Amino acid sequence: MADDENKGTAEEVKCPKCECVAGAPAWMTTFADLVTLLLTFFVLLLSMANMEEVKFAEASASIRSAFGAHSLPAPSKFSIPIIPAPPISKFSPIQNEMASKVYKRIQSQLKSDNIPEDVELIKKEDDTIILRINDSVLFQKGTSTVSPSAYPTLRNLADIIRPLPMRLRIEGHTDNTPVSNRKIGNWNLSVDRAVSVMRFFKKSDLLPLDRMAAIGYGSDRPILPNTNDTNKAKNRRVDFVLRANNSIGLGPTGAKSRELPL
């Protein structure tokens, strides 16, 4: 009797063995795939943070394709055509247009005023305008002092130049004939003549000093070969060079006037 009771108690205490499947549960696999896809999705969003339209369109099409949506085909790669910039011109069109207007204005004033025919008006290809005067109009032969007879001509030229938004460079030129005074060469004579004209404008209060510059080239820049007297006479000249920019060796517009160094 006692043995039967002990056998019953042992049978009640003993638990049946559970049959466990090897590996992770099925739900864990699905969860891991979902987390991996979400991580990939957010990494993709982070890579598109700069919002480039082409890359965004390609990524969007790739995502739609991954989820089985093929309503719109993925756009093909394309490149934006690069149009070469026009070549930079040395001279501004605005300056050339202004120089043309100034040239026409000076031309009409030369015809209306009492300007000698020896004053020649020249327009270069850039924005340069030149008023060319033969040396016989301004100076006696071999001298650098402005002749009194040239005062009206210089005053008329100053009246023409003063209202123009341009700067003035006075250039002295000679021929290759040696000067009678051996102490003064052709270059010295051309410099002295340019400075004499500049001094006349300054002392007569015709033009401010900060708008002018004086330079001499001697016989180094002839307009015609020095082969005969006619060509030599044309090479002996004073050029009034007008420019609309600061490339002629002058200082800033607001520079204060200074006295001539001579």
C-alpha atoms as a PDB file:
ATOM      1  CA  MET A   1       0.000   0.000   0.000  1.00  0.00           C
ATOM      2  CA  ALA A   2       2.781   2.394   1.000  1.00  0.00           C
ATOM      3  CA  ASP A   3       4.674   1.533  -2.176  1.00  0.00           C
ATOM      4  CA  ASP A   4       1.701   2.499  -4.314  1.00  0.00           C
ATOM      5  CA  GLU A   5       1.489   5.956  -2.673  1.00  0.00           C
ATOM      6  CA  ASN A   6       5.241   6.642  -3.209  1.00  0.00           C
ATOM      7  CA  LYS A   7       4.962   5.755  -6.893  1.00  0.00           C
ATOM      8  CA  GLY A   8       2.027   8.143  -7.316  1.00  0.00           C
ATOM      9  CA  THR A   9       3.898  11.045  -5.703  1.00  0.00           C
ATOM     10  CA  ALA A  10       6.952  10.497  -7.934  1.00  0.00           C
ATOM     11  CA  GLU A  11       4.832  10.482 -11.018  1.00  0.00           C
ATOM     12  CA  GLU A  12       3.193  13.808 -10.018  1.00  0.00           C
ATOM     13  CA  VAL A  13       6.540  15.603  -9.323  1.00  0.00           C
ATOM     14  CA  LYS A  14       8.258  14.556 -12.558  1.00  0.00           C
ATOM     15  CA  CYS A  15       7.713  17.183 -15.418  1.00  0.00           C
ATOM     16  CA  PRO A  16       7.454  16.196 -19.002  1.00  0.00           C
ATOM     17  CA  LYS A  17      10.323  17.265 -21.302  1.00  0.00           C
ATOM     18  CA  CYS A  18       9.639  20.243 -23.638  1.00  0.00           C
ATOM     19  CA  GLU A  19      10.615  19.994 -27.245  1.00  0.00           C
ATOM     20  CA  CYS A  20      12.411  23.364 -28.076  1.00  0.00           C
ATOM     21  CA  VAL A  21      13.148  24.287 -31.681  1.00  0.00           C
ATOM     22  CA  ALA A  22      16.811  25.203 -32.338  1.00  0.00           C
ATOM     23  CA  GLY A  23      17.664  28.838 -33.348  1.00  0.00           C
ATOM     24  CA  ALA A  24      15.876  32.193 -32.871  1.00  0.00           C
ATOM     25  CA  PRO A  25      12.109  32.413 -32.819  1.00  0.00           C
ATOM     26  CA  ALA A  26      10.346  33.148 -36.106  1.00  0.00           C
ATOM     27  CA  TRP A  27       9.177  36.600 -35.004  1.00  0.00           C
ATOM     28  CA  MET A  28      12.765  37.631 -34.226  1.00  0.00           C
ATOM     29  CA  THR A  29      13.795  37.095 -37.862  1.00  0.00           C
ATOM     30  CA  THR A  30      10.979  39.270 -39.163  1.00  0.00           C
ATOM     31  CA  PHE A  31      11.778  41.981 -36.582  1.00  0.00           C
ATOM     32  CA  ALA A  32      15.479  41.985 -37.494  1.00  0.00           C
ATOM     33  CA  ASP A  33      14.637  42.382 -41.196  1.00  0.00           C
ATOM     34  CA  LEU A  34      12.322  45.286 -40.428  1.00  0.00           C
ATOM     35  CA  VAL A  35      14.911  47.079 -38.278  1.00  0.00           C
ATOM     36  CA  THR A  36      17.575  46.589 -40.949  1.00  0.00           C
ATOM     37  CA  LEU A  37      15.305  48.024 -43.639  1.00  0.00           C
ATOM     38  CA  LEU A  38      14.433  51.015 -41.445  1.00  0.00           C
ATOM     39  CA  LEU A  39      18.123  51.651 -40.731  1.00  0.00           C
ATOM     40  CA  THR A  40      18.917  51.506 -44.445  1.00  0.00           C
ATOM     41  CA  PHE A  41      16.026  53.851 -45.212  1.00  0.00           C
ATOM     42  CA  PHE A  42      17.155  56.486 -42.707  1.00  0.00           C
ATOM     43  CA  VAL A  43      20.767  56.250 -43.874  1.00  0.00           C
ATOM     44  CA  LEU A  44      19.466  56.857 -47.394  1.00  0.00           C
ATOM     45  CA  LEU A  45      17.519  59.901 -46.200  1.00  0.00           C
ATOM     46  CA  LEU A  46      20.631  61.240 -44.481  1.00  0.00           C
ATOM     47  CA  SER A  47      22.684  60.850 -47.642  1.00  0.00           C
ATOM     48  CA  MET A  48      20.101  62.959 -49.508  1.00  0.00           C
ATOM     49  CA  ALA A  49      20.212  65.808 -46.992  1.00  0.00           C
ATOM     50  CA  ASN A  50      21.656  68.215 -49.596  1.00  0.00           C
ATOM     51  CA  MET A  51      18.479  67.722 -51.675  1.00  0.00           C
ATOM     52  CA  GLU A  52      20.113  67.553 -55.077  1.00  0.00           C
ATOM     53  CA  GLU A  53      17.255  67.134 -57.526  1.00  0.00           C
ATOM     54  CA  VAL A  54      18.912  64.551 -59.752  1.00  0.00           C
ATOM     55  CA  LYS A  55      20.069  62.315 -56.895  1.00  0.00           C
ATOM     56  CA  PHE A  56      16.767  62.701 -55.105  1.00  0.00           C
ATOM     57  CA  ALA A  57      14.827  61.610 -58.186  1.00  0.00           C
ATOM     58  CA  GLU A  58      17.072  58.570 -58.665  1.00  0.00           C
ATOM     59  CA  ALA A  59      16.779  57.564 -54.994  1.00  0.00           C
ATOM     60  CA  SER A  60      13.015  58.019 -55.053  1.00  0.00           C
ATOM     61  CA  ALA A  61      12.716  55.793 -58.120  1.00  0.00           C
ATOM     62  CA  SER A  62      14.953  53.201 -56.464  1.00  0.00           C
ATOM     63  CA  ILE A  63      12.748  53.141 -53.348  1.00  0.00           C
ATOM     64  CA  ARG A  64       9.585  52.787 -55.428  1.00  0.00           C
ATOM     65  CA  SER A  65      11.168  49.929 -57.347  1.00  0.00           C
ATOM     66  CA  ALA A  66      12.165  48.195 -54.084  1.00  0.00           C
ATOM     67  CA  PHE A  67       8.574  48.346 -52.856  1.00  0.00           C
ATOM     68  CA  GLY A  68       7.232  47.052 -56.179  1.00  0.00           C
ATOM     69  CA  ALA A  69       5.897  50.351 -57.577  1.00  0.00           C
ATOM     70  CA  HIS A  70       6.903  50.672 -61.219  1.00  0.00           C
ATOM     71  CA  SER A  71       4.462  53.355 -62.298  1.00  0.00           C
ATOM     72  CA  LEU A  72       7.203  55.769 -63.269  1.00  0.00           C
ATOM     73  CA  PRO A  73      10.535  54.742 -64.782  1.00  0.00           C
ATOM     74  CA  ALA A  74      13.691  55.881 -63.059  1.00  0.00           C
ATOM     75  CA  PRO A  75      15.033  59.003 -64.742  1.00  0.00           C
ATOM     76  CA  SER A  76      18.212  58.569 -66.679  1.00  0.00           C
ATOM     77  CA  LYS A  77      21.316  60.464 -65.726  1.00  0.00           C
ATOM     78  CA  PHE A  78      21.816  63.761 -67.444  1.00  0.00           C
ATOM     79  CA  SER A  79      24.382  66.544 -67.349  1.00  0.00           C
ATOM     80  CA  ILE A  80      23.731  70.257 -67.392  1.00  0.00           C
ATOM     81  CA  PRO A  81      25.404  71.801 -70.452  1.00  0.00           C
ATOM     82  CA  ILE A  82      28.107  74.319 -69.583  1.00  0.00           C
ATOM     83  CA  ILE A  83      27.958  77.390 -71.791  1.00  0.00           C
ATOM     84  CA  PRO A  84      31.369  79.038 -72.085  1.00  0.00           C
ATOM     85  CA  ALA A  85      31.534  82.619 -70.925  1.00  0.00           C
ATOM     86  CA  PRO A  86      32.150  85.255 -73.584  1.00  0.00           C
ATOM     87  CA  PRO A  87      35.747  86.411 -73.815  1.00  0.00           C
ATOM     88  CA  ILE A  88      36.587  89.311 -71.560  1.00  0.00           C
ATOM     89  CA  SER A  89      37.166  92.383 -73.649  1.00  0.00           C
ATOM     90  CA  LYS A  90      39.945  94.739 -72.679  1.00  0.00           C
ATOM     91  CA  PHE A  91      37.734  97.725 -73.274  1.00  0.00           C
ATOM     92  CA  SER A  92      34.302  98.139 -71.773  1.00  0.00           C
ATOM     93  CA  PRO A  93      31.397  98.684 -74.225  1.00  0.00           C
ATOM     94  CA  ILE A  94      30.130 101.451 -71.956  1.00  0.00           C
ATOM     95  CA  GLN A  95      33.440 103.305 -72.184  1.00  0.00           C
ATOM     96  CA  ASN A  96      33.572 102.875 -75.969  1.00  0.00           C
ATOM     97  CA  GLU A  97      30.051 104.256 -76.277  1.00  0.00           C
ATOM     98  CA  MET A  98      30.930 107.218 -74.087  1.00  0.00           C
ATOM     99  CA  ALA A  99      34.120 107.839 -76.082  1.00  0.00           C
ATOM    100  CA  SER A 100      32.094 107.907 -79.312  1.00  0.00           C
ATOM    101  CA  LYS A 101      29.720 110.502 -77.875  1.00  0.00           C
ATOM    102  CA  VAL A 102      32.630 112.597 -76.623  1.00  0.00           C
ATOM    103  CA  TYR A 103      34.323 112.354 -80.014  1.00  0.00           C
ATOM    104  CA  LYS A 104      31.225 113.675 -81.805  1.00  0.00           C
ATOM    105  CA  ARG A 105      30.842 116.451 -79.257  1.00  0.00           C
ATOM    106  CA  ILE A 106      34.462 117.588 -79.646  1.00  0.00           C
ATOM    107  CA  GLN A 107      34.160 117.384 -83.418  1.00  0.00           C
ATOM    108  CA  SER A 108      31.163 119.725 -83.460  1.00  0.00           C
ATOM    109  CA  GLN A 109      32.863 122.145 -81.056  1.00  0.00           C
ATOM    110  CA  LEU A 110      36.013 122.283 -83.162  1.00  0.00           C
ATOM    111  CA  LYS A 111      33.914 123.275 -86.168  1.00  0.00           C
ATOM    112  CA  SER A 112      31.945 125.932 -84.295  1.00  0.00           C
ATOM    113  CA  ASP A 113      34.828 127.500 -82.299  1.00  0.00           C
ATOM    114  CA  ASN A 114      37.736 129.430 -83.699  1.00  0.00           C
ATOM    115  CA  ILE A 115      40.152 126.497 -83.611  1.00  0.00           C
ATOM    116  CA  PRO A 116      43.026 126.437 -86.140  1.00  0.00           C
ATOM    117  CA  GLU A 117      42.950 123.770 -88.789  1.00  0.00           C
ATOM    118  CA  ASP A 118      46.259 122.484 -87.420  1.00  0.00           C
ATOM    119  CA  VAL A 119      44.319 120.895 -84.542  1.00  0.00           C
ATOM    120  CA  GLU A 120      43.565 117.322 -85.595  1.00  0.00           C
ATOM    121  CA  LEU A 121      40.974 115.130 -83.842  1.00  0.00           C
ATOM    122  CA  ILE A 122      41.735 111.374 -83.713  1.00  0.00           C
ATOM    123  CA  LYS A 123      39.794 108.488 -82.186  1.00  0.00           C
ATOM    124  CA  LYS A 124      41.615 105.241 -81.484  1.00  0.00           C
ATOM    125  CA  GLU A 125      40.081 101.752 -81.513  1.00  0.00           C
ATOM    126  CA  ASP A 126      39.870 101.798 -77.727  1.00  0.00           C
ATOM    127  CA  ASP A 127      38.383 104.639 -75.682  1.00  0.00           C
ATOM    128  CA  THR A 128      41.232 107.056 -76.469  1.00  0.00           C
ATOM    129  CA  ILE A 129      40.653 110.438 -78.096  1.00  0.00           C
ATOM    130  CA  ILE A 130      43.593 112.543 -79.237  1.00  0.00           C
ATOM    131  CA  LEU A 131      43.720 116.258 -80.020  1.00  0.00           C
ATOM    132  CA  ARG A 132      46.906 116.706 -82.063  1.00  0.00           C
ATOM    133  CA  ILE A 133      48.497 120.124 -82.538  1.00  0.00           C
ATOM    134  CA  ASN A 134      51.504 120.949 -84.654  1.00  0.00           C
ATOM    135  CA  ASP A 135      54.395 122.443 -82.685  1.00  0.00           C
ATOM    136  CA  SER A 136      54.462 125.555 -84.867  1.00  0.00           C
ATOM    137  CA  VAL A 137      51.064 126.572 -83.445  1.00  0.00           C
ATOM    138  CA  LEU A 138      52.313 126.475 -79.827  1.00  0.00           C
ATOM    139  CA  PHE A 139      56.077 127.154 -79.865  1.00  0.00           C
ATOM    140  CA  GLN A 140      58.815 128.954 -81.684  1.00  0.00           C
ATOM    141  CA  LYS A 141      61.364 126.726 -83.383  1.00  0.00           C
ATOM    142  CA  GLY A 142      63.663 124.990 -80.878  1.00  0.00           C
ATOM    143  CA  THR A 143      61.987 126.567 -77.810  1.00  0.00           C
ATOM    144  CA  SER A 144      59.724 125.200 -75.083  1.00  0.00           C
ATOM    145  CA  THR A 145      57.944 128.425 -74.065  1.00  0.00           C
ATOM    146  CA  VAL A 146      54.314 128.660 -75.146  1.00  0.00           C
ATOM    147  CA  SER A 147      53.861 131.432 -77.699  1.00  0.00           C
ATOM    148  CA  PRO A 148      51.372 134.187 -76.736  1.00  0.00           C
ATOM    149  CA  SER A 149      49.639 133.642 -80.051  1.00  0.00           C
ATOM    150  CA  ALA A 150      48.753 130.107 -78.878  1.00  0.00           C
ATOM    151  CA  TYR A 151      46.931 131.283 -75.716  1.00  0.00           C
ATOM    152  CA  PRO A 152      43.471 131.536 -77.372  1.00  0.00           C
ATOM    153  CA  THR A 153      43.851 128.087 -78.910  1.00  0.00           C
ATOM    154  CA  LEU A 154      44.821 126.504 -75.576  1.00  0.00           C
ATOM    155  CA  ARG A 155      41.977 128.292 -73.789  1.00  0.00           C
ATOM    156  CA  ASN A 156      39.476 126.994 -76.344  1.00  0.00           C
ATOM    157  CA  LEU A 157      40.858 123.473 -75.943  1.00  0.00           C
ATOM    158  CA  ALA A 158      40.595 123.742 -72.164  1.00  0.00           C
ATOM    159  CA  ASP A 159      36.971 124.858 -72.486  1.00  0.00           C
ATOM    160  CA  ILE A 160      36.285 121.749 -74.565  1.00  0.00           C
ATOM    161  CA  ILE A 161      38.109 119.352 -72.229  1.00  0.00           C
ATOM    162  CA  ARG A 162      36.938 120.782 -68.874  1.00  0.00           C
ATOM    163  CA  PRO A 163      33.343 119.417 -68.807  1.00  0.00           C
ATOM    164  CA  LEU A 164      34.328 116.000 -70.170  1.00  0.00           C
ATOM    165  CA  PRO A 165      34.464 113.042 -67.719  1.00  0.00           C
ATOM    166  CA  MET A 166      37.946 112.178 -68.967  1.00  0.00           C
ATOM    167  CA  ARG A 167      41.549 112.613 -67.934  1.00  0.00           C
ATOM    168  CA  LEU A 168      44.221 114.383 -69.942  1.00  0.00           C
ATOM    169  CA  ARG A 169      47.778 113.376 -70.765  1.00  0.00           C
ATOM    170  CA  ILE A 170      49.895 115.941 -72.588  1.00  0.00           C
ATOM    171  CA  GLU A 171      52.526 114.282 -74.795  1.00  0.00           C
ATOM    172  CA  GLY A 172      55.430 116.119 -76.393  1.00  0.00           C
ATOM    173  CA  HIS A 173      57.011 114.771 -79.627  1.00  0.00           C
ATOM    174  CA  THR A 174      59.862 115.908 -81.864  1.00  0.00           C
ATOM    175  CA  ASP A 175      61.572 114.746 -85.041  1.00  0.00           C
ATOM    176  CA  ASN A 176      65.076 113.268 -85.169  1.00  0.00           C
ATOM    177  CA  THR A 177      66.834 116.497 -86.093  1.00  0.00           C
ATOM    178  CA  PRO A 178      69.367 117.430 -83.399  1.00  0.00           C
ATOM    179  CA  VAL A 179      68.495 120.560 -81.435  1.00  0.00           C
ATOM    180  CA  SER A 180      70.766 123.535 -82.031  1.00  0.00           C
ATOM    181  CA  ASN A 181      71.322 123.867 -78.305  1.00  0.00           C
ATOM    182  CA  ARG A 182      73.592 120.939 -77.495  1.00  0.00           C
ATOM    183  CA  LYS A 183      72.700 121.079 -73.802  1.00  0.00           C
ATOM    184  CA  ILE A 184      69.079 120.194 -74.628  1.00  0.00           C
ATOM    185  CA  GLY A 185      68.282 117.030 -76.567  1.00  0.00           C
ATOM    186  CA  ASN A 186      65.079 116.143 -78.377  1.00  0.00           C
ATOM    187  CA  TRP A 187      63.745 114.220 -75.399  1.00  0.00           C
ATOM    188  CA  ASN A 188      64.371 117.148 -73.032  1.00  0.00           C
ATOM    189  CA  LEU A 189      62.671 119.494 -75.480  1.00  0.00           C
ATOM    190  CA  SER A 190      59.580 117.263 -75.746  1.00  0.00           C
ATOM    191  CA  VAL A 191      59.294 117.010 -71.947  1.00  0.00           C
ATOM    192  CA  ASP A 192      59.723 120.770 -71.476  1.00  0.00           C
ATOM    193  CA  ARG A 193      57.026 121.503 -74.045  1.00  0.00           C
ATOM    194  CA  ALA A 194      54.525 119.113 -72.462  1.00  0.00           C
ATOM    195  CA  VAL A 195      55.193 120.600 -69.024  1.00  0.00           C
ATOM    196  CA  SER A 196      54.908 124.154 -70.380  1.00  0.00           C
ATOM    197  CA  VAL A 197      51.413 123.453 -71.719  1.00  0.00           C
ATOM    198  CA  MET A 198      50.449 121.801 -68.459  1.00  0.00           C
ATOM    199  CA  ARG A 199      51.790 124.773 -66.500  1.00  0.00           C
ATOM    200  CA  PHE A 200      49.774 127.154 -68.671  1.00  0.00           C
ATOM    201  CA  PHE A 201      46.552 125.226 -67.932  1.00  0.00           C
ATOM    202  CA  LYS A 202      47.340 125.197 -64.202  1.00  0.00           C
ATOM    203  CA  LYS A 203      48.393 128.811 -63.759  1.00  0.00           C
ATOM    204  CA  SER A 204      45.474 130.067 -65.833  1.00  0.00           C
ATOM    205  CA  ASP A 205      43.052 127.962 -63.754  1.00  0.00           C
ATOM    206  CA  LEU A 206      41.818 126.315 -66.930  1.00  0.00           C
ATOM    207  CA  LEU A 207      42.157 122.681 -65.755  1.00  0.00           C
ATOM    208  CA  PRO A 208      42.856 121.147 -62.325  1.00  0.00           C
ATOM    209  CA  LEU A 209      46.263 119.588 -61.883  1.00  0.00           C
ATOM    210  CA  ASP A 210      44.884 116.239 -60.681  1.00  0.00           C
ATOM    211  CA  ARG A 211      43.286 115.655 -64.110  1.00  0.00           C
ATOM    212  CA  MET A 212      46.517 116.135 -66.070  1.00  0.00           C
ATOM    213  CA  ALA A 213      49.840 114.428 -66.685  1.00  0.00           C
ATOM    214  CA  ALA A 214      52.783 115.527 -68.845  1.00  0.00           C
ATOM    215  CA  ILE A 215      55.231 113.265 -70.650  1.00  0.00           C
ATOM    216  CA  GLY A 216      57.778 113.573 -73.445  1.00  0.00           C
ATOM    217  CA  TYR A 217      58.780 110.949 -76.010  1.00  0.00           C
ATOM    218  CA  GLY A 218      61.279 112.915 -78.088  1.00  0.00           C
ATOM    219  CA  SER A 219      61.643 111.329 -81.524  1.00  0.00           C
ATOM    220  CA  ASP A 220      60.822 107.778 -80.350  1.00  0.00           C
ATOM    221  CA  ARG A 221      57.178 107.803 -81.505  1.00  0.00           C
ATOM    222  CA  PRO A 222      56.994 109.339 -84.979  1.00  0.00           C
ATOM    223  CA  ILE A 223      53.728 109.091 -86.899  1.00  0.00           C
ATOM    224  CA  LEU A 224      55.632 109.208 -90.208  1.00  0.00           C
ATOM    225  CA  PRO A 225      59.209 108.277 -91.152  1.00  0.00           C
ATOM    226  CA  ASN A 226      61.618 111.179 -90.695  1.00  0.00           C
ATOM    227  CA  THR A 227      62.670 111.061 -94.344  1.00  0.00           C
ATOM    228  CA  ASN A 228      61.686 114.555 -95.514  1.00  0.00           C
ATOM    229  CA  ASP A 229      60.769 117.968 -94.145  1.00  0.00           C
ATOM    230  CA  THR A 230      57.024 117.427 -94.524  1.00  0.00           C
ATOM    231  CA  ASN A 231      57.056 114.258 -92.414  1.00  0.00           C
ATOM    232  CA  LYS A 232      59.346 115.835 -89.843  1.00  0.00           C
ATOM    233  CA  ALA A 233      56.969 118.774 -89.490  1.00  0.00           C
ATOM    234  CA  LYS A 234      54.090 116.379 -88.729  1.00  0.00           C
ATOM    235  CA  ASN A 235      56.182 114.474 -86.185  1.00  0.00           C
ATOM    236  CA  ARG A 236      56.868 117.690 -84.261  1.00  0.00           C
ATOM    237  CA  ARG A 237      53.621 117.850 -82.328  1.00  0.00           C
ATOM    238  CA  VAL A 238      51.846 117.953 -78.977  1.00  0.00           C
ATOM    239  CA  ASP A 239      49.162 115.315 -78.369  1.00  0.00           C
ATOM    240  CA  PHE A 240      46.335 115.894 -75.892  1.00  0.00           C
ATOM    241  CA  VAL A 241      45.346 112.323 -75.011  1.00  0.00           C
ATOM    242  CA  LEU A 242      41.931 111.926 -73.387  1.00  0.00           C
ATOM    243  CA  ARG A 243      41.085 108.685 -71.604  1.00  0.00           C
ATOM    244  CA  ALA A 244      38.013 107.654 -69.595  1.00  0.00           C
ATOM    245  CA  ASN A 245      39.938 105.460 -67.139  1.00  0.00           C
ATOM    246  CA  ASN A 246      42.954 105.640 -64.816  1.00  0.00           C
ATOM    247  CA  SER A 247      45.381 103.748 -67.034  1.00  0.00           C
ATOM    248  CA  ILE A 248      47.308 106.802 -68.191  1.00  0.00           C
ATOM    249  CA  GLY A 249      49.468 107.142 -65.110  1.00  0.00           C
ATOM    250  CA  LEU A 250      47.287 109.497 -63.114  1.00  0.00           C
ATOM    251  CA  GLY A 251      46.329 109.200 -59.510  1.00  0.00           C
ATOM    252  CA  PRO A 252      42.818 108.735 -58.062  1.00  0.00           C
ATOM    253  CA  THR A 253      40.111 111.211 -58.940  1.00  0.00           C
ATOM    254  CA  GLY A 254      40.018 112.610 -55.453  1.00  0.00           C
ATOM    255  CA  ALA A 255      43.733 113.377 -55.281  1.00  0.00           C
ATOM    256  CA  LYS A 256      44.573 116.859 -54.116  1.00  0.00           C
ATOM    257  CA  SER A 257      46.173 119.247 -56.551  1.00  0.00           C
ATOM    258  CA  ARG A 258      49.912 119.733 -56.124  1.00  0.00           C
ATOM    259  CA  GLU A 259      52.245 122.365 -57.496  1.00  0.00           C
ATOM    260  CA  LEU A 260      54.352 121.492 -60.503  1.00  0.00           C
ATOM    261  CA  PRO A 261      57.812 120.144 -59.617  1.00  0.00           C
ATOM    262  CA  LEU A 262      59.488 122.587 -62.002  1.00  0.00           C
END
